[in-house]
Amino acid sequence: MNLALLGLSLWLAQAPILPGDGEPKAAPLDFRCDNMQVFSKPNRTVCQTNVVVRRADLLVCCATFEGFADDRWGWQRFVCTENVRAERGDETMWSDRAEFVLATNELLLTGRPRLKRGKSLLEGERVVVDVKTDHARIEKPRGRIEAATTTAPAAAGRAPDQGLPAVCPIPALAGR
C-alpha cells in the first residue's frame, strides 16, 4: 500500500465520534484532491489543488488542505487555505482560512470571512460555526440582514450520500 493510500485509510478510519441521542455515530470525512503527501513527525497529511471535502452535510472547498494528527494518527484538526468556500443547506461561507476542530465540532473561518444565510450577508473578523448545533458566532459583525421571502431548500445535488463532485460546486464570492 503506498503512503498516500495509507494516509487516506488512516484518515477515514479515525473518523470523529459525534454524540447523539442514541449510540455515538462516526462522521467520516470524504475528500478528493489532485495531489497528496503524508508526513510523519509531526503527523500530517497535505492535499493540494482542487480540494473538495465533505463531513456529513458540510461541504468545503479550497486550494490546500492539511490534516493534523497525534502520535497514533488520531486526527485532531483540519485546515483549509486559499479560496475557501463552504456550504451547508442554504448557508454559504467564504474565507481565506478555515479550521475544523474535531473535539469541538467547530468550523473557524478567518481572513475576510463572510457568511450568507438566505439573503443575509454578514462578515466579521472571525466566524465560528458549530456544525453540531448549527449556531454561528461572528466577532465584530457587520453586514446586511434581509427577511427571507420563502424557505430556501437545501442546496441541490449536494446531499451527503452522493459522491463528491469532481470540482468545487460552490461559487466564489464576487469581489474576493
N, C-alpha and C. Protein backbone atom coordinates (compact mmCIF):
# COMPACT_ATOMS: atom_id res chain seq x y z
N MET A 1 0.86 -1.17 0.00
CA MET A 1 0.00 0.00 0.00
C MET A 1 0.90 1.23 0.00
N ASN A 2 0.68 2.15 -0.96
CA ASN A 2 1.55 3.32 -0.97
C ASN A 2 1.20 4.26 0.17
N LEU A 3 2.08 5.22 0.42
CA LEU A 3 1.94 6.11 1.57
C LEU A 3 0.68 6.96 1.50
N ALA A 4 0.30 7.43 0.32
CA ALA A 4 -0.92 8.25 0.19
C ALA A 4 -2.16 7.44 0.53
N LEU A 5 -2.24 6.22 0.07
CA LEU A 5 -3.39 5.39 0.39
C LEU A 5 -3.42 5.02 1.86
N LEU A 6 -2.23 4.81 2.46
CA LEU A 6 -2.15 4.54 3.89
C LEU A 6 -2.69 5.73 4.67
N GLY A 7 -2.27 6.93 4.29
CA GLY A 7 -2.75 8.14 4.95
C GLY A 7 -4.25 8.29 4.81
N LEU A 8 -4.78 8.03 3.62
CA LEU A 8 -6.22 8.11 3.39
C LEU A 8 -6.96 7.08 4.24
N SER A 9 -6.45 5.87 4.30
CA SER A 9 -7.09 4.82 5.10
C SER A 9 -7.10 5.19 6.57
N LEU A 10 -5.97 5.70 7.08
CA LEU A 10 -5.90 6.10 8.48
C LEU A 10 -6.82 7.27 8.74
N TRP A 11 -6.89 8.20 7.81
CA TRP A 11 -7.73 9.38 7.95
C TRP A 11 -9.19 8.97 8.11
N LEU A 12 -9.65 8.11 7.25
CA LEU A 12 -11.05 7.71 7.29
C LEU A 12 -11.32 6.77 8.47
N ALA A 13 -10.33 5.98 8.87
CA ALA A 13 -10.53 5.07 9.99
C ALA A 13 -10.62 5.82 11.31
N GLN A 14 -10.04 7.00 11.39
CA GLN A 14 -10.04 7.79 12.61
C GLN A 14 -11.15 8.82 12.59
N ALA A 15 -12.27 8.52 11.97
CA ALA A 15 -13.38 9.47 11.89
C ALA A 15 -13.82 9.87 13.29
N PRO A 16 -14.16 11.14 13.46
CA PRO A 16 -14.58 11.59 14.79
C PRO A 16 -15.90 10.97 15.20
N ILE A 17 -16.11 10.85 16.50
CA ILE A 17 -17.36 10.33 17.04
C ILE A 17 -18.20 11.51 17.50
N LEU A 18 -19.42 11.57 17.03
CA LEU A 18 -20.31 12.64 17.42
C LEU A 18 -21.34 12.11 18.39
N PRO A 19 -21.49 12.73 19.56
CA PRO A 19 -22.54 12.27 20.47
C PRO A 19 -23.90 12.59 19.88
N GLY A 20 -24.86 11.72 20.11
CA GLY A 20 -26.20 11.92 19.60
C GLY A 20 -27.21 11.45 20.60
N ASP A 21 -28.43 11.29 20.16
CA ASP A 21 -29.49 10.85 21.05
C ASP A 21 -29.30 9.40 21.47
N GLY A 22 -28.75 8.58 20.59
CA GLY A 22 -28.56 7.16 20.89
C GLY A 22 -27.09 6.84 20.93
N GLU A 23 -26.72 5.83 20.19
CA GLU A 23 -25.32 5.42 20.12
C GLU A 23 -24.49 6.49 19.41
N PRO A 24 -23.22 6.64 19.78
CA PRO A 24 -22.35 7.56 19.05
C PRO A 24 -22.24 7.12 17.59
N LYS A 25 -22.19 8.08 16.71
CA LYS A 25 -22.12 7.78 15.28
C LYS A 25 -20.84 8.36 14.71
N ALA A 26 -20.18 7.60 13.86
CA ALA A 26 -18.99 8.08 13.19
C ALA A 26 -19.40 9.07 12.11
N ALA A 27 -18.65 10.13 11.98
CA ALA A 27 -18.88 11.12 10.94
C ALA A 27 -17.62 11.19 10.09
N PRO A 28 -17.52 10.34 9.09
CA PRO A 28 -16.29 10.29 8.30
C PRO A 28 -16.10 11.54 7.45
N LEU A 29 -14.87 11.78 7.10
CA LEU A 29 -14.52 12.84 6.17
C LEU A 29 -14.27 12.19 4.82
N ASP A 30 -14.96 12.65 3.82
CA ASP A 30 -14.70 12.21 2.45
C ASP A 30 -14.01 13.37 1.76
N PHE A 31 -13.02 13.09 0.94
CA PHE A 31 -12.31 14.17 0.28
C PHE A 31 -11.75 13.71 -1.06
N ARG A 32 -11.39 14.69 -1.86
CA ARG A 32 -10.64 14.45 -3.09
C ARG A 32 -9.75 15.66 -3.32
N CYS A 33 -8.64 15.41 -3.98
CA CYS A 33 -7.72 16.49 -4.34
C CYS A 33 -6.83 15.98 -5.47
N ASP A 34 -6.07 16.88 -6.07
CA ASP A 34 -5.20 16.49 -7.18
C ASP A 34 -3.87 15.91 -6.72
N ASN A 35 -3.37 16.32 -5.56
CA ASN A 35 -2.08 15.86 -5.05
C ASN A 35 -2.15 15.66 -3.55
N MET A 36 -1.46 14.62 -3.04
CA MET A 36 -1.48 14.35 -1.61
C MET A 36 -0.10 13.90 -1.14
N GLN A 37 0.29 14.41 0.04
CA GLN A 37 1.53 13.98 0.68
C GLN A 37 1.22 13.64 2.13
N VAL A 38 1.89 12.61 2.66
CA VAL A 38 1.72 12.21 4.05
C VAL A 38 3.07 12.35 4.74
N PHE A 39 3.09 13.03 5.89
CA PHE A 39 4.32 13.29 6.63
C PHE A 39 4.21 12.68 8.03
N SER A 40 5.36 12.32 8.57
CA SER A 40 5.44 11.84 9.96
C SER A 40 6.33 12.78 10.75
N LYS A 41 6.05 12.88 12.03
CA LYS A 41 6.85 13.64 12.99
C LYS A 41 7.02 15.08 12.57
N PRO A 42 6.03 15.93 12.64
CA PRO A 42 4.69 15.67 13.16
C PRO A 42 3.81 15.00 12.09
N ASN A 43 2.83 14.24 12.56
CA ASN A 43 1.94 13.51 11.67
C ASN A 43 0.94 14.46 11.03
N ARG A 44 0.99 14.52 9.71
CA ARG A 44 0.05 15.37 8.99
C ARG A 44 -0.06 14.91 7.54
N THR A 45 -1.17 15.26 6.95
CA THR A 45 -1.43 14.96 5.55
C THR A 45 -1.76 16.26 4.85
N VAL A 46 -1.20 16.46 3.66
CA VAL A 46 -1.44 17.69 2.90
C VAL A 46 -2.02 17.32 1.54
N CYS A 47 -3.18 17.90 1.24
CA CYS A 47 -3.81 17.76 -0.07
C CYS A 47 -3.74 19.11 -0.76
N GLN A 48 -3.41 19.11 -2.05
CA GLN A 48 -3.30 20.37 -2.77
C GLN A 48 -4.03 20.32 -4.09
N THR A 49 -4.55 21.45 -4.46
CA THR A 49 -5.20 21.71 -5.74
C THR A 49 -6.53 20.97 -5.86
N ASN A 50 -7.57 21.72 -6.15
CA ASN A 50 -8.90 21.18 -6.40
C ASN A 50 -9.40 20.31 -5.23
N VAL A 51 -9.28 20.84 -4.02
CA VAL A 51 -9.66 20.10 -2.82
C VAL A 51 -11.16 20.25 -2.57
N VAL A 52 -11.84 19.11 -2.38
CA VAL A 52 -13.26 19.07 -2.03
C VAL A 52 -13.38 18.11 -0.85
N VAL A 53 -13.96 18.59 0.26
CA VAL A 53 -14.07 17.80 1.49
C VAL A 53 -15.52 17.82 1.94
N ARG A 54 -16.03 16.67 2.39
CA ARG A 54 -17.38 16.62 2.95
C ARG A 54 -17.35 15.88 4.28
N ARG A 55 -18.06 16.44 5.26
CA ARG A 55 -18.29 15.77 6.54
C ARG A 55 -19.77 15.97 6.83
N ALA A 56 -20.53 14.90 6.75
CA ALA A 56 -22.00 14.95 6.89
C ALA A 56 -22.54 15.93 5.86
N ASP A 57 -23.26 16.97 6.29
CA ASP A 57 -23.86 17.90 5.33
C ASP A 57 -23.02 19.15 5.07
N LEU A 58 -21.77 19.17 5.54
CA LEU A 58 -20.87 20.30 5.33
C LEU A 58 -19.93 19.98 4.18
N LEU A 59 -19.94 20.84 3.16
CA LEU A 59 -19.04 20.69 2.01
C LEU A 59 -18.08 21.86 2.03
N VAL A 60 -16.76 21.58 1.94
CA VAL A 60 -15.74 22.62 1.98
C VAL A 60 -14.81 22.42 0.79
N CYS A 61 -14.44 23.54 0.14
CA CYS A 61 -13.50 23.52 -0.98
C CYS A 61 -12.39 24.52 -0.70
N CYS A 62 -11.18 24.21 -1.19
CA CYS A 62 -10.05 25.12 -1.03
C CYS A 62 -8.90 24.65 -1.92
N ALA A 63 -7.80 25.40 -1.88
CA ALA A 63 -6.63 25.04 -2.67
C ALA A 63 -5.70 24.10 -1.91
N THR A 64 -5.57 24.28 -0.58
CA THR A 64 -4.68 23.44 0.23
C THR A 64 -5.41 23.01 1.50
N PHE A 65 -5.30 21.72 1.80
CA PHE A 65 -5.99 21.12 2.95
C PHE A 65 -4.98 20.32 3.74
N GLU A 66 -4.83 20.64 5.04
CA GLU A 66 -3.89 19.92 5.90
C GLU A 66 -4.63 19.27 7.05
N GLY A 67 -4.32 18.00 7.29
CA GLY A 67 -4.86 17.28 8.44
C GLY A 67 -3.75 17.06 9.45
N PHE A 68 -4.01 17.38 10.72
CA PHE A 68 -3.02 17.24 11.78
C PHE A 68 -3.46 16.15 12.73
N ALA A 69 -2.54 15.21 13.03
CA ALA A 69 -2.86 14.05 13.86
C ALA A 69 -1.89 13.95 15.03
N ASP A 70 -2.31 13.19 16.05
CA ASP A 70 -1.42 12.94 17.18
C ASP A 70 -0.44 11.82 16.82
N ASP A 71 0.33 11.33 17.79
CA ASP A 71 1.35 10.30 17.54
C ASP A 71 0.77 8.98 17.07
N ARG A 72 -0.50 8.74 17.34
CA ARG A 72 -1.16 7.49 16.91
C ARG A 72 -2.04 7.69 15.69
N TRP A 73 -1.86 8.80 15.00
CA TRP A 73 -2.65 9.16 13.82
C TRP A 73 -4.13 9.37 14.15
N GLY A 74 -4.40 9.83 15.34
CA GLY A 74 -5.76 10.25 15.70
C GLY A 74 -5.92 11.69 15.26
N TRP A 75 -6.84 11.95 14.37
CA TRP A 75 -7.00 13.28 13.78
C TRP A 75 -7.54 14.27 14.79
N GLN A 76 -6.92 15.46 14.81
CA GLN A 76 -7.30 16.50 15.76
C GLN A 76 -7.94 17.70 15.09
N ARG A 77 -7.38 18.10 13.95
CA ARG A 77 -7.92 19.27 13.26
C ARG A 77 -7.52 19.23 11.80
N PHE A 78 -8.28 19.97 11.02
CA PHE A 78 -8.04 20.08 9.59
C PHE A 78 -8.08 21.56 9.22
N VAL A 79 -7.18 21.97 8.34
CA VAL A 79 -7.09 23.38 7.95
C VAL A 79 -7.15 23.50 6.43
N CYS A 80 -8.04 24.36 5.96
CA CYS A 80 -8.17 24.67 4.53
C CYS A 80 -7.68 26.10 4.33
N THR A 81 -6.89 26.33 3.27
CA THR A 81 -6.43 27.68 2.96
C THR A 81 -6.58 27.96 1.48
N GLU A 82 -6.62 29.24 1.15
CA GLU A 82 -6.70 29.74 -0.22
C GLU A 82 -8.06 29.47 -0.86
N ASN A 83 -8.81 30.54 -1.09
CA ASN A 83 -10.10 30.47 -1.76
C ASN A 83 -11.04 29.46 -1.09
N VAL A 84 -11.20 29.59 0.22
CA VAL A 84 -12.04 28.67 0.98
C VAL A 84 -13.51 29.00 0.73
N ARG A 85 -14.26 27.96 0.41
CA ARG A 85 -15.71 28.07 0.22
C ARG A 85 -16.35 26.90 0.95
N ALA A 86 -17.42 27.17 1.67
CA ALA A 86 -18.10 26.11 2.41
C ALA A 86 -19.60 26.29 2.24
N GLU A 87 -20.31 25.15 2.37
CA GLU A 87 -21.76 25.19 2.18
C GLU A 87 -22.43 24.16 3.06
N ARG A 88 -23.58 24.54 3.59
CA ARG A 88 -24.42 23.68 4.42
C ARG A 88 -25.85 24.12 4.25
N GLY A 89 -26.67 23.33 3.58
CA GLY A 89 -28.05 23.75 3.33
C GLY A 89 -28.07 25.05 2.57
N ASP A 90 -28.80 26.07 3.09
CA ASP A 90 -28.86 27.36 2.40
C ASP A 90 -27.82 28.34 2.95
N GLU A 91 -26.84 27.83 3.65
CA GLU A 91 -25.78 28.65 4.23
C GLU A 91 -24.50 28.47 3.42
N THR A 92 -23.90 29.60 3.01
CA THR A 92 -22.65 29.57 2.26
C THR A 92 -21.65 30.45 2.97
N MET A 93 -20.39 30.01 3.01
CA MET A 93 -19.33 30.72 3.71
C MET A 93 -18.11 30.85 2.80
N TRP A 94 -17.40 31.96 2.96
CA TRP A 94 -16.16 32.19 2.24
C TRP A 94 -15.13 32.75 3.21
N SER A 95 -13.86 32.42 3.00
CA SER A 95 -12.78 32.99 3.81
C SER A 95 -11.44 32.65 3.17
N ASP A 96 -10.38 33.16 3.78
CA ASP A 96 -9.03 32.82 3.33
C ASP A 96 -8.53 31.56 4.03
N ARG A 97 -9.11 31.28 5.23
CA ARG A 97 -8.67 30.12 6.01
C ARG A 97 -9.85 29.56 6.79
N ALA A 98 -9.93 28.25 6.85
CA ALA A 98 -10.95 27.58 7.66
C ALA A 98 -10.27 26.45 8.42
N GLU A 99 -10.60 26.34 9.71
CA GLU A 99 -10.05 25.27 10.53
C GLU A 99 -11.21 24.52 11.17
N PHE A 100 -11.22 23.19 11.00
CA PHE A 100 -12.24 22.37 11.63
C PHE A 100 -11.59 21.63 12.78
N VAL A 101 -12.10 21.87 14.00
CA VAL A 101 -11.56 21.25 15.21
C VAL A 101 -12.49 20.09 15.58
N LEU A 102 -11.97 18.88 15.53
CA LEU A 102 -12.79 17.70 15.75
C LEU A 102 -13.36 17.62 17.16
N ALA A 103 -12.59 18.02 18.17
CA ALA A 103 -13.04 17.91 19.55
C ALA A 103 -14.25 18.79 19.85
N THR A 104 -14.37 19.92 19.16
CA THR A 104 -15.46 20.86 19.43
C THR A 104 -16.51 20.91 18.33
N ASN A 105 -16.25 20.26 17.19
CA ASN A 105 -17.15 20.32 16.03
C ASN A 105 -17.34 21.74 15.52
N GLU A 106 -16.30 22.56 15.64
CA GLU A 106 -16.39 23.95 15.20
C GLU A 106 -15.58 24.17 13.92
N LEU A 107 -16.18 24.96 13.04
CA LEU A 107 -15.51 25.42 11.83
C LEU A 107 -15.17 26.89 12.07
N LEU A 108 -13.87 27.22 12.12
CA LEU A 108 -13.40 28.57 12.41
C LEU A 108 -12.95 29.21 11.10
N LEU A 109 -13.61 30.29 10.71
CA LEU A 109 -13.29 30.98 9.47
C LEU A 109 -12.58 32.29 9.79
N THR A 110 -11.41 32.51 9.19
CA THR A 110 -10.65 33.74 9.38
C THR A 110 -10.14 34.23 8.05
N GLY A 111 -9.69 35.48 8.01
CA GLY A 111 -9.19 36.04 6.75
C GLY A 111 -10.34 36.43 5.86
N ARG A 112 -10.96 37.56 6.12
CA ARG A 112 -12.10 38.08 5.36
C ARG A 112 -13.28 37.10 5.33
N PRO A 113 -13.69 36.55 6.49
CA PRO A 113 -14.79 35.59 6.47
C PRO A 113 -16.13 36.26 6.16
N ARG A 114 -16.94 35.57 5.37
CA ARG A 114 -18.29 36.00 5.02
C ARG A 114 -19.23 34.83 5.27
N LEU A 115 -20.44 35.14 5.73
CA LEU A 115 -21.45 34.13 6.00
C LEU A 115 -22.75 34.59 5.36
N LYS A 116 -23.29 33.78 4.46
CA LYS A 116 -24.55 34.09 3.81
C LYS A 116 -25.58 33.06 4.25
N ARG A 117 -26.66 33.54 4.87
CA ARG A 117 -27.79 32.70 5.25
C ARG A 117 -29.01 33.31 4.60
N GLY A 118 -29.66 32.55 3.72
CA GLY A 118 -30.77 33.10 2.97
C GLY A 118 -30.27 34.27 2.14
N LYS A 119 -30.90 35.45 2.29
CA LYS A 119 -30.47 36.64 1.56
C LYS A 119 -29.54 37.51 2.39
N SER A 120 -29.34 37.18 3.65
CA SER A 120 -28.49 37.98 4.53
C SER A 120 -27.02 37.65 4.31
N LEU A 121 -26.18 38.69 4.31
CA LEU A 121 -24.74 38.50 4.14
C LEU A 121 -24.04 39.23 5.28
N LEU A 122 -23.29 38.48 6.08
CA LEU A 122 -22.59 39.01 7.24
C LEU A 122 -21.10 38.78 7.09
N GLU A 123 -20.33 39.66 7.70
CA GLU A 123 -18.88 39.49 7.73
C GLU A 123 -18.38 39.94 9.09
N GLY A 124 -17.15 39.61 9.38
CA GLY A 124 -16.56 39.99 10.65
C GLY A 124 -15.09 39.64 10.66
N GLU A 125 -14.48 39.73 11.83
CA GLU A 125 -13.07 39.36 11.93
C GLU A 125 -12.90 37.85 11.97
N ARG A 126 -13.92 37.17 12.55
CA ARG A 126 -13.86 35.71 12.66
C ARG A 126 -15.29 35.19 12.74
N VAL A 127 -15.54 34.09 12.04
CA VAL A 127 -16.84 33.43 12.08
C VAL A 127 -16.61 32.02 12.61
N VAL A 128 -17.38 31.64 13.63
CA VAL A 128 -17.26 30.31 14.22
C VAL A 128 -18.61 29.63 14.06
N VAL A 129 -18.63 28.50 13.34
CA VAL A 129 -19.86 27.74 13.13
C VAL A 129 -19.74 26.42 13.87
N ASP A 130 -20.67 26.18 14.79
CA ASP A 130 -20.75 24.89 15.47
C ASP A 130 -21.60 24.00 14.59
N VAL A 131 -20.98 23.05 13.89
CA VAL A 131 -21.71 22.24 12.93
C VAL A 131 -22.61 21.21 13.59
N LYS A 132 -22.43 20.98 14.89
CA LYS A 132 -23.30 20.05 15.60
C LYS A 132 -24.62 20.72 15.98
N THR A 133 -24.54 21.96 16.44
CA THR A 133 -25.75 22.67 16.88
C THR A 133 -26.27 23.64 15.83
N ASP A 134 -25.49 23.91 14.77
CA ASP A 134 -25.87 24.82 13.70
C ASP A 134 -25.96 26.27 14.18
N HIS A 135 -25.16 26.64 15.16
CA HIS A 135 -25.08 28.02 15.62
C HIS A 135 -23.83 28.68 15.04
N ALA A 136 -23.94 29.97 14.77
CA ALA A 136 -22.78 30.73 14.28
C ALA A 136 -22.53 31.91 15.20
N ARG A 137 -21.25 32.19 15.45
CA ARG A 137 -20.84 33.37 16.20
C ARG A 137 -19.95 34.20 15.29
N ILE A 138 -20.19 35.49 15.28
CA ILE A 138 -19.40 36.38 14.43
C ILE A 138 -18.77 37.44 15.31
N GLU A 139 -17.44 37.55 15.24
CA GLU A 139 -16.73 38.57 16.01
C GLU A 139 -16.69 39.86 15.20
N LYS A 140 -17.08 40.96 15.82
CA LYS A 140 -17.15 42.28 15.20
C LYS A 140 -17.96 42.22 13.90
N PRO A 141 -19.24 41.81 14.01
CA PRO A 141 -20.06 41.62 12.81
C PRO A 141 -20.48 42.94 12.16
N ARG A 142 -20.68 42.83 10.87
CA ARG A 142 -21.27 43.90 10.06
C ARG A 142 -21.87 43.23 8.84
N GLY A 143 -22.80 43.90 8.20
CA GLY A 143 -23.39 43.32 7.00
C GLY A 143 -24.81 43.76 6.79
N ARG A 144 -25.56 42.94 6.11
CA ARG A 144 -26.95 43.25 5.77
C ARG A 144 -27.79 42.02 6.09
N ILE A 145 -28.87 42.25 6.85
CA ILE A 145 -29.81 41.19 7.18
C ILE A 145 -31.10 41.47 6.42
N GLU A 146 -31.54 40.52 5.64
CA GLU A 146 -32.77 40.65 4.87
C GLU A 146 -33.72 39.52 5.25
N ALA A 147 -34.99 39.85 5.29
CA ALA A 147 -36.01 38.85 5.60
C ALA A 147 -36.12 37.88 4.44
N ALA A 148 -36.28 36.63 4.77
CA ALA A 148 -36.44 35.59 3.76
C ALA A 148 -37.85 35.67 3.21
N THR A 149 -37.99 35.54 1.89
CA THR A 149 -39.32 35.56 1.29
C THR A 149 -39.96 34.19 1.31
N THR A 150 -39.14 33.16 1.19
CA THR A 150 -39.62 31.78 1.28
C THR A 150 -38.54 30.96 1.95
N THR A 151 -38.90 29.79 2.40
CA THR A 151 -37.92 28.89 2.97
C THR A 151 -37.06 28.34 1.85
N ALA A 152 -35.78 28.56 1.95
CA ALA A 152 -34.86 28.10 0.91
C ALA A 152 -34.61 26.61 1.06
N PRO A 153 -34.66 25.87 -0.03
CA PRO A 153 -34.36 24.45 0.04
C PRO A 153 -32.86 24.23 0.21
N ALA A 154 -32.50 23.05 0.68
CA ALA A 154 -31.08 22.70 0.77
C ALA A 154 -30.47 22.76 -0.62
N ALA A 155 -29.20 23.01 -0.68
CA ALA A 155 -28.51 23.11 -1.97
C ALA A 155 -28.72 21.85 -2.78
N ALA A 156 -29.12 22.03 -4.01
CA ALA A 156 -29.41 20.88 -4.88
C ALA A 156 -28.14 20.12 -5.23
N GLY A 157 -28.24 18.81 -5.25
CA GLY A 157 -27.13 17.98 -5.70
C GLY A 157 -25.98 17.86 -4.72
N ARG A 158 -26.18 18.23 -3.46
CA ARG A 158 -25.08 18.19 -2.52
C ARG A 158 -25.40 17.37 -1.29
N ALA A 159 -26.23 16.36 -1.46
CA ALA A 159 -26.60 15.50 -0.34
C ALA A 159 -25.39 14.68 0.10
N PRO A 160 -25.23 14.44 1.41
CA PRO A 160 -24.06 13.71 1.91
C PRO A 160 -23.92 12.30 1.36
N ASP A 161 -25.01 11.67 0.96
CA ASP A 161 -24.91 10.29 0.50
C ASP A 161 -24.50 10.19 -0.97
N GLN A 162 -24.35 11.30 -1.65
CA GLN A 162 -23.89 11.28 -3.04
C GLN A 162 -22.37 11.36 -3.04
N GLY A 163 -21.76 10.96 -4.15
CA GLY A 163 -20.32 11.04 -4.26
C GLY A 163 -19.85 12.48 -4.28
N LEU A 164 -18.56 12.67 -4.07
CA LEU A 164 -18.01 14.02 -4.10
C LEU A 164 -17.97 14.54 -5.53
N PRO A 165 -18.23 15.83 -5.70
CA PRO A 165 -18.11 16.39 -7.06
C PRO A 165 -16.65 16.44 -7.48
N ALA A 166 -16.41 16.40 -8.79
CA ALA A 166 -15.05 16.41 -9.33
C ALA A 166 -14.37 17.76 -9.11
N VAL A 167 -15.15 18.84 -9.11
CA VAL A 167 -14.63 20.18 -8.83
C VAL A 167 -15.60 20.86 -7.87
N CYS A 168 -15.16 21.93 -7.28
CA CYS A 168 -15.98 22.63 -6.29
C CYS A 168 -17.23 23.23 -6.93
N PRO A 169 -18.42 22.86 -6.43
CA PRO A 169 -19.65 23.40 -6.98
C PRO A 169 -20.08 24.72 -6.33
N ILE A 170 -19.36 25.19 -5.31
CA ILE A 170 -19.72 26.39 -4.59
C ILE A 170 -19.15 27.60 -5.31
N PRO A 171 -19.98 28.57 -5.67
CA PRO A 171 -19.47 29.73 -6.40
C PRO A 171 -18.56 30.61 -5.54
N ALA A 172 -17.59 31.23 -6.19
CA ALA A 172 -16.73 32.19 -5.50
C ALA A 172 -17.55 33.43 -5.20
N LEU A 173 -17.20 34.14 -4.16
CA LEU A 173 -17.88 35.37 -3.80
C LEU A 173 -17.35 36.49 -4.70
N ALA A 174 -18.25 37.23 -5.32
CA ALA A 174 -17.86 38.33 -6.21
C ALA A 174 -17.03 39.34 -5.44
N GLY A 175 -15.98 39.83 -6.06
CA GLY A 175 -15.15 40.85 -5.45
C GLY A 175 -14.11 40.33 -4.48
N ARG A 176 -13.92 39.03 -4.41
CA ARG A 176 -12.89 38.48 -3.48
C ARG A 176 -11.58 38.37 -4.16
